[in-house]
Amino acid sequence: MPYRAHAVPIALITLLGFAGFAQNSTAVPSQPFGKTPHGEKVTLYTLTNKNGMSVSIMDYGATIVKIVVPDRNGKLDDVALGFDHFAPYLTQTAYFGATIGRYANRIARGKFEINHTAYQVPVNNGPNSLHGGWRGFDKRIWKVEPVESDSPAIQFTRFSPDGEEGYPGNLFVNVTFTLTDDNQLHISYRATTDKPTVINLTNHTYFNLAGAGNGSILDHVVTLHANAFTPVDATLIPTGEIKDVAGTPWDFRTATPIGLHLRETGGNPIGYDHNYVLTKGFFSNFGLAAEVEDPKSGRILKVYTDQPGVQFYTGNFLDGTLIGKDGKAYRQYDGFCLETQHFPDSPNHANFPSTLLRPGDVFKSTTIYAFDVK
């Protein structure tokens, strides 16, 4: 029986939307952050826990702008790459901190079929489609909804109409960010559709556990709980093979500095930009996907997810032209991403977990970014 994208019975959720958003008596602090060229106001919301950790998210792209966490000495620093002001987010192409959809990662030639019907979505990355097209979820203003939670939380929702960026189906989607007192950021996704469609949602935060703009991440030590990865062609599209990492530069089963074998990966540009097949399996069980430690600051990041894969990306396309927070340039390998996901180009590979979402089903997924020190 084919695996579908975390589909569950629709139960009490309405066919075209979500019923009964709960009210939260505690308002999340917010501040104006800018305006789009069309005059839409952009607002920045900040979640703060009892430890002083904070996460700031704007409604443009449901984008994480800041993640402020302590180091081993209790010093707070922002570990998420991005900008101090809104304007650069309009022109940058790095997807800093954004919620990505409808389809995260790449689709070969922007083509796929559903039930023998062919669809063409924008080709915006060489010969392929990347991260939802020319104007994906990362470039839209999301509606803010209250959410009931014992921890600071905020929910962003949007309606993606049938045919937006070429994707079929009226899609209702929400993303909830919750910050717990044990320094965990929970990101929960939910979506419904009225036509069969494909969906792959993720967050595209670039991390530097030494602090944004504070140098290279090549000495960060990474463990990926994956025995296999999906090799790619020259345009970063999976070949369809699921390859064992043993004996390759892609082996992070034990703690390994990012830079140790990076040059052996080849590619243009050189670096990691690959989907890892998580050892917890193809299905929706929740588990530990990755661990990262910065030896200098002592900060540790652990990533938990129910998704079958994670894209490990080392900021290969950063080239120093983007000037980020505090006027610091973001250079190649100054940040890493761990994008929990279904596999790239899944609609064109029958052997990959399916990303098909059907009417009457609900897409649900949760990822946790857990911070600690050593």
Protein backbone atom coordinates (compact mmCIF):
# COMPACT_ATOMS: atom_id res chain seq x y z
CA MET A 1 0.00 0.00 0.00
CA PRO A 2 1.57 3.34 -1.00
CA TYR A 3 2.67 5.66 1.77
CA ARG A 4 0.97 9.05 1.72
CA ALA A 5 2.19 12.31 3.20
CA HIS A 6 1.31 11.72 6.85
CA ALA A 7 -2.35 11.45 5.96
CA VAL A 8 -4.88 10.83 8.72
CA PRO A 9 -8.69 10.78 8.75
CA ILE A 10 -10.13 14.25 8.57
CA ALA A 11 -12.21 13.77 11.75
CA LEU A 12 -13.35 17.12 13.14
CA ILE A 13 -11.38 19.24 10.69
CA THR A 14 -13.42 20.81 7.91
CA LEU A 15 -12.68 19.87 4.31
CA LEU A 16 -11.38 23.28 3.29
CA GLY A 17 -9.77 24.72 6.38
CA PHE A 18 -9.33 24.24 10.07
CA ALA A 19 -12.14 24.48 12.57
CA GLY A 20 -11.90 25.89 16.06
CA PHE A 21 -8.65 27.80 16.52
CA ALA A 22 -8.28 28.04 20.27
CA GLN A 23 -7.92 31.41 21.95
CA ASN A 24 -4.85 32.22 24.02
CA SER A 25 -5.24 34.78 26.74
CA THR A 26 -1.55 35.74 26.60
CA ALA A 27 -0.66 37.96 23.67
CA VAL A 28 2.70 37.44 21.99
CA PRO A 29 4.76 40.67 21.97
CA SER A 30 5.04 42.17 18.49
CA GLN A 31 6.57 45.13 16.71
CA PRO A 32 6.43 46.64 13.22
CA PHE A 33 9.22 45.28 11.02
CA GLY A 34 8.61 46.95 7.66
CA LYS A 35 6.37 47.06 4.60
CA THR A 36 6.29 45.17 1.32
CA PRO A 37 6.47 47.09 -1.99
CA HIS A 38 2.66 46.73 -2.11
CA GLY A 39 2.27 48.47 1.22
CA GLU A 40 1.53 45.38 3.30
CA LYS A 41 2.64 45.79 6.90
CA VAL A 42 5.14 43.24 8.20
CA THR A 43 5.12 42.38 11.91
CA LEU A 44 7.75 40.66 14.03
CA TYR A 45 6.57 38.45 16.92
CA THR A 46 8.85 37.31 19.75
CA LEU A 47 8.48 34.22 21.93
CA THR A 48 10.53 34.24 25.17
CA ASN A 49 10.91 31.51 27.79
CA LYS A 50 11.88 31.70 31.47
CA ASN A 51 15.58 31.09 30.62
CA GLY A 52 15.82 34.21 28.49
CA MET A 53 15.89 32.24 25.23
CA SER A 54 13.85 33.97 22.54
CA VAL A 55 12.69 33.28 19.00
CA SER A 56 11.48 36.08 16.72
CA ILE A 57 9.29 35.24 13.72
CA MET A 58 7.81 37.60 11.14
CA ASP A 59 4.57 37.11 9.25
CA TYR A 60 6.31 37.58 5.89
CA GLY A 61 7.10 34.00 4.94
CA ALA A 62 6.39 32.81 8.51
CA THR A 63 10.12 33.45 8.79
CA ILE A 64 12.40 32.92 11.79
CA VAL A 65 14.44 36.12 12.10
CA LYS A 66 16.25 35.48 15.41
CA ILE A 67 17.02 32.58 17.74
CA VAL A 68 18.76 33.87 20.87
CA VAL A 69 20.24 31.14 23.09
CA PRO A 70 22.94 30.96 25.82
CA ASP A 71 26.41 29.49 25.44
CA ARG A 72 28.16 27.39 28.11
CA ASN A 73 28.87 30.57 30.10
CA GLY A 74 25.31 31.83 29.88
CA LYS A 75 26.12 34.48 27.25
CA LEU A 76 23.17 35.02 24.92
CA ASP A 77 23.73 35.26 21.18
CA ASP A 78 21.64 35.04 18.03
CA VAL A 79 22.43 31.78 16.20
CA ALA A 80 20.15 32.26 13.16
CA LEU A 81 21.47 33.97 10.02
CA GLY A 82 19.30 36.78 8.70
CA PHE A 83 18.98 40.55 8.72
CA ASP A 84 18.39 43.30 11.27
CA HIS A 85 15.83 44.99 8.99
CA PHE A 86 13.09 43.79 6.67
CA ALA A 87 14.17 45.23 3.31
CA PRO A 88 16.95 42.69 2.55
CA TYR A 89 14.46 39.81 2.89
CA LEU A 90 12.70 41.06 -0.25
CA THR A 91 15.71 40.55 -2.53
CA GLN A 92 17.84 37.80 -0.95
CA THR A 93 17.57 34.33 -2.47
CA ALA A 94 18.98 32.30 0.44
CA TYR A 95 15.57 31.68 2.08
CA PHE A 96 16.90 32.68 5.51
CA GLY A 97 14.59 31.28 8.20
CA ALA A 98 11.58 30.93 5.91
CA THR A 99 8.71 28.47 5.90
CA ILE A 100 9.05 26.66 2.57
CA GLY A 101 6.14 25.39 0.46
CA ARG A 102 4.23 24.16 -1.33
CA TYR A 103 7.10 21.90 -2.17
CA ALA A 104 10.40 22.24 -0.31
CA ASN A 105 13.57 21.39 -2.22
CA ARG A 106 13.71 20.55 -5.92
CA ILE A 107 11.38 19.06 -8.54
CA ALA A 108 13.11 18.02 -11.78
CA ARG A 109 12.22 20.32 -14.67
CA GLY A 110 9.24 21.50 -12.60
CA LYS A 111 7.19 18.56 -13.89
CA PHE A 112 5.16 15.85 -12.15
CA GLU A 113 1.98 13.87 -12.61
CA ILE A 114 -0.95 13.10 -10.33
CA ASN A 115 -3.42 10.46 -11.51
CA HIS A 116 -2.06 10.75 -15.09
CA THR A 117 -2.56 14.53 -15.14
CA ALA A 118 0.63 16.45 -15.87
CA TYR A 119 1.53 19.60 -13.95
CA GLN A 120 4.15 22.23 -14.68
CA VAL A 121 5.43 24.42 -11.85
CA PRO A 122 7.96 27.27 -12.18
CA VAL A 123 11.52 26.48 -13.21
CA ASN A 124 13.46 28.88 -10.99
CA ASN A 125 16.69 27.03 -10.19
CA GLY A 126 18.62 26.08 -13.31
CA PRO A 127 16.45 23.50 -15.10
CA ASN A 128 14.45 22.69 -11.96
CA SER A 129 11.85 24.06 -9.58
CA LEU A 130 13.05 25.01 -6.10
CA HIS A 131 11.18 25.71 -2.83
CA GLY A 132 7.73 26.29 -4.29
CA GLY A 133 8.51 28.46 -7.30
CA TRP A 134 9.07 32.14 -7.99
CA ARG A 135 6.74 33.22 -5.20
CA GLY A 136 6.46 30.38 -2.74
CA PHE A 137 5.22 30.45 0.83
CA ASP A 138 8.42 32.28 1.84
CA LYS A 139 7.33 35.39 -0.09
CA ARG A 140 3.75 35.68 1.21
CA ILE A 141 2.22 37.48 4.16
CA TRP A 142 0.71 34.93 6.54
CA LYS A 143 -2.27 35.54 8.79
CA VAL A 144 -1.61 35.32 12.53
CA GLU A 145 -3.96 33.19 14.62
CA PRO A 146 -4.09 32.78 18.40
CA VAL A 147 -3.18 29.37 19.76
CA GLU A 148 -3.83 27.74 23.11
CA SER A 149 -0.60 26.65 24.76
CA ASP A 150 1.05 26.50 28.17
CA SER A 151 4.22 27.83 26.51
CA PRO A 152 4.75 30.94 24.37
CA ALA A 153 3.33 30.08 20.95
CA ILE A 154 2.06 31.62 17.74
CA GLN A 155 0.31 30.22 14.68
CA PHE A 156 0.56 31.42 11.09
CA THR A 157 -2.05 30.42 8.50
CA ARG A 158 -2.58 30.95 4.82
CA PHE A 159 -4.85 29.90 1.98
CA SER A 160 -2.99 28.85 -1.15
CA PRO A 161 -5.50 28.89 -4.04
CA ASP A 162 -5.82 26.21 -6.68
CA GLY A 163 -3.17 26.83 -9.34
CA GLU A 164 -0.89 29.02 -7.23
CA GLU A 165 2.62 28.56 -8.68
CA GLY A 166 1.10 25.77 -10.80
CA TYR A 167 0.14 23.46 -7.92
CA PRO A 168 -3.35 21.91 -7.92
CA GLY A 169 -5.89 22.23 -5.12
CA ASN A 170 -7.06 24.87 -2.71
CA LEU A 171 -4.69 24.33 0.19
CA PHE A 172 -5.24 25.54 3.75
CA VAL A 173 -2.06 25.41 5.81
CA ASN A 174 -0.96 26.47 9.27
CA VAL A 175 2.41 26.52 11.00
CA THR A 176 2.65 26.77 14.79
CA PHE A 177 5.82 27.83 16.60
CA THR A 178 6.06 26.96 20.31
CA LEU A 179 8.98 27.77 22.63
CA THR A 180 9.27 25.60 25.74
CA ASP A 181 11.10 26.27 28.99
CA ASP A 182 13.62 23.53 28.20
CA ASN A 183 14.87 25.59 25.23
CA GLN A 184 13.05 23.65 22.55
CA LEU A 185 11.46 25.27 19.50
CA HIS A 186 8.58 23.14 18.20
CA ILE A 187 7.40 23.75 14.63
CA SER A 188 4.15 21.99 13.73
CA TYR A 189 2.64 21.96 10.23
CA ARG A 190 -0.91 21.08 9.16
CA ALA A 191 -2.64 21.24 5.79
CA THR A 192 -5.74 20.13 3.90
CA THR A 193 -6.66 20.23 0.20
CA ASP A 194 -9.74 19.86 -2.02
CA LYS A 195 -7.80 18.24 -4.91
CA PRO A 196 -4.98 15.72 -4.94
CA THR A 197 -1.75 17.68 -4.66
CA VAL A 198 1.85 17.28 -3.56
CA ILE A 199 3.20 18.90 -0.43
CA ASN A 200 6.57 19.14 1.29
CA LEU A 201 6.91 21.71 4.08
CA THR A 202 10.04 22.69 5.99
CA ASN A 203 11.86 25.54 7.69
CA HIS A 204 15.01 26.99 6.11
CA THR A 205 16.89 28.47 9.07
CA TYR A 206 20.66 28.77 8.69
CA PHE A 207 22.38 28.10 12.02
CA ASN A 208 25.77 29.14 13.30
CA LEU A 209 26.05 28.00 16.90
CA ALA A 210 28.92 30.44 17.48
CA GLY A 211 26.56 33.27 16.56
CA ALA A 212 25.31 34.62 13.24
CA GLY A 213 28.18 36.13 11.29
CA ASN A 214 30.80 34.83 13.72
CA GLY A 215 32.81 32.83 11.21
CA SER A 216 32.72 29.43 9.57
CA ILE A 217 30.72 26.40 10.70
CA LEU A 218 33.32 23.96 9.36
CA ASP A 219 34.52 23.10 12.88
CA HIS A 220 30.99 22.36 14.10
CA VAL A 221 30.69 18.64 14.90
CA VAL A 222 27.72 16.86 13.33
CA THR A 223 26.00 13.53 13.87
CA LEU A 224 23.30 12.53 11.37
CA HIS A 225 21.15 9.54 12.28
CA ALA A 226 21.10 8.23 8.74
CA ASN A 227 22.64 5.17 7.15
CA ALA A 228 21.87 6.33 3.60
CA PHE A 229 21.46 9.41 1.45
CA THR A 230 20.02 10.20 -1.98
CA PRO A 231 22.85 11.02 -4.45
CA VAL A 232 22.20 13.87 -6.89
CA ASP A 233 23.12 14.82 -10.43
CA ALA A 234 24.89 18.01 -11.46
CA THR A 235 21.67 20.01 -11.02
CA LEU A 236 21.12 18.63 -7.47
CA ILE A 237 18.22 16.37 -8.49
CA PRO A 238 18.23 12.88 -6.91
CA THR A 239 19.26 10.10 -9.24
CA GLY A 240 16.73 7.79 -7.58
CA GLU A 241 19.39 5.74 -5.81
CA ILE A 242 19.33 5.33 -2.04
CA LYS A 243 23.01 4.89 -1.22
CA ASP A 244 24.76 3.67 1.91
CA VAL A 245 26.88 6.41 3.50
CA ALA A 246 29.54 3.96 4.69
CA GLY A 247 32.93 4.70 3.18
CA THR A 248 31.79 8.01 1.65
CA PRO A 249 32.32 11.69 2.57
CA TRP A 250 28.59 11.75 3.44
CA ASP A 251 29.03 9.54 6.50
CA PHE A 252 28.07 11.42 9.68
CA ARG A 253 26.88 8.41 11.67
CA THR A 254 29.45 9.31 14.31
CA ALA A 255 30.30 12.84 15.40
CA THR A 256 32.39 14.44 12.63
CA PRO A 257 33.54 18.02 11.97
CA ILE A 258 31.67 19.45 8.99
CA GLY A 259 34.89 20.43 7.23
CA LEU A 260 36.70 17.11 7.59
CA HIS A 261 35.54 15.57 4.29
CA LEU A 262 33.68 18.50 2.73
CA ARG A 263 36.12 18.99 -0.16
CA GLU A 264 35.69 15.34 -1.12
CA THR A 265 31.99 15.85 -1.89
CA GLY A 266 32.72 17.70 -5.14
CA GLY A 267 29.86 19.58 -6.73
CA ASN A 268 29.64 23.14 -7.96
CA PRO A 269 29.82 24.80 -5.52
CA ILE A 270 31.54 22.27 -3.29
CA GLY A 271 29.77 21.26 -0.10
CA TYR A 272 26.91 19.33 1.44
CA ASP A 273 23.48 19.89 -0.10
CA HIS A 274 22.06 16.39 0.22
CA ASN A 275 19.00 14.60 1.55
CA TYR A 276 19.68 12.01 4.24
CA VAL A 277 17.42 8.99 4.74
CA LEU A 278 16.78 8.91 8.47
CA THR A 279 17.29 5.59 10.23
CA LYS A 280 13.97 5.88 12.04
CA GLY A 281 12.45 4.78 8.75
CA PHE A 282 10.22 6.08 5.97
CA PHE A 283 7.17 6.37 8.15
CA SER A 284 5.81 8.94 10.54
CA ASN A 285 7.45 7.80 13.79
CA PHE A 286 9.12 10.63 15.67
CA GLY A 287 12.82 10.47 16.38
CA LEU A 288 16.24 12.11 16.61
CA ALA A 289 17.54 13.16 13.20
CA ALA A 290 20.67 15.19 13.90
CA GLU A 291 22.99 16.58 16.56
CA VAL A 292 25.38 19.50 16.14
CA GLU A 293 27.93 20.88 18.61
CA ASP A 294 30.04 24.03 18.43
CA PRO A 295 33.16 23.21 20.49
CA LYS A 296 33.99 26.89 21.08
CA SER A 297 30.67 28.12 22.52
CA GLY A 298 29.54 24.76 23.86
CA ARG A 299 26.14 25.19 22.21
CA ILE A 300 24.40 22.01 21.07
CA LEU A 301 21.48 21.66 18.67
CA LYS A 302 19.44 18.47 18.43
CA VAL A 303 16.82 18.04 15.71
CA TYR A 304 13.83 15.72 16.10
CA THR A 305 11.28 15.05 13.38
CA ASP A 306 8.61 12.71 12.04
CA GLN A 307 9.75 13.32 8.45
CA PRO A 308 11.62 10.60 6.53
CA GLY A 309 14.53 12.82 5.50
CA VAL A 310 16.63 15.84 6.34
CA GLN A 311 18.49 18.08 3.91
CA PHE A 312 21.94 18.88 5.26
CA TYR A 313 23.14 22.09 3.60
CA THR A 314 26.37 23.94 4.42
CA GLY A 315 25.69 27.37 2.94
CA ASN A 316 27.59 26.57 -0.25
CA PHE A 317 25.96 29.38 -2.25
CA LEU A 318 26.70 32.12 0.29
CA ASP A 319 29.41 34.26 -1.27
CA GLY A 320 29.94 37.26 1.00
CA THR A 321 27.65 39.60 -0.94
CA LEU A 322 24.83 39.41 1.62
CA ILE A 323 25.46 41.75 4.53
CA GLY A 324 23.66 40.39 7.56
CA LYS A 325 23.17 41.27 11.20
CA ASP A 326 25.51 43.86 12.73
CA GLY A 327 26.92 44.56 9.26
CA LYS A 328 28.61 41.16 9.00
CA ALA A 329 28.97 39.51 5.58
CA TYR A 330 27.70 35.95 5.16
CA ARG A 331 30.39 33.94 3.41
CA GLN A 332 30.44 30.40 2.09
CA TYR A 333 30.12 27.87 4.94
CA ASP A 334 29.06 30.53 7.48
CA GLY A 335 25.83 28.67 8.25
CA PHE A 336 24.25 25.23 8.01
CA CYS A 337 20.66 24.09 7.49
CA LEU A 338 18.91 20.95 8.66
CA GLU A 339 15.70 20.99 6.64
CA THR A 340 13.42 18.17 7.80
CA GLN A 341 11.47 16.98 4.78
CA HIS A 342 10.29 14.37 2.36
CA PHE A 343 12.86 13.60 -0.28
CA PRO A 344 13.58 16.03 -3.15
CA ASP A 345 11.76 15.26 -6.42
CA SER A 346 9.62 12.60 -4.69
CA PRO A 347 6.70 12.98 -7.16
CA ASN A 348 9.01 11.60 -9.87
CA HIS A 349 10.44 8.65 -7.89
CA ALA A 350 8.09 5.80 -7.05
CA ASN A 351 10.64 4.33 -4.60
CA PHE A 352 10.62 7.48 -2.43
CA PRO A 353 8.02 8.11 0.29
CA SER A 354 5.01 9.72 -1.36
CA THR A 355 4.24 13.42 -0.93
CA LEU A 356 0.68 13.04 -2.24
CA LEU A 357 -2.04 14.71 -0.19
CA ARG A 358 -5.63 13.79 -1.03
CA PRO A 359 -8.93 15.46 -0.17
CA GLY A 360 -10.26 14.15 3.14
CA ASP A 361 -6.76 13.63 4.55
CA VAL A 362 -4.64 15.94 6.68
CA PHE A 363 -0.93 16.58 6.32
CA LYS A 364 0.64 16.81 9.78
CA SER A 365 4.28 17.11 10.76
CA THR A 366 6.35 18.35 13.69
CA THR A 367 10.02 19.24 13.99
CA ILE A 368 11.82 20.20 17.20
CA TYR A 369 15.00 22.25 17.40
CA ALA A 370 16.33 21.55 20.92
CA PHE A 371 19.18 23.68 22.28
CA ASP A 372 21.58 22.77 25.07
CA VAL A 373 25.17 23.41 26.18
CA LYS A 374 28.19 21.28 26.98
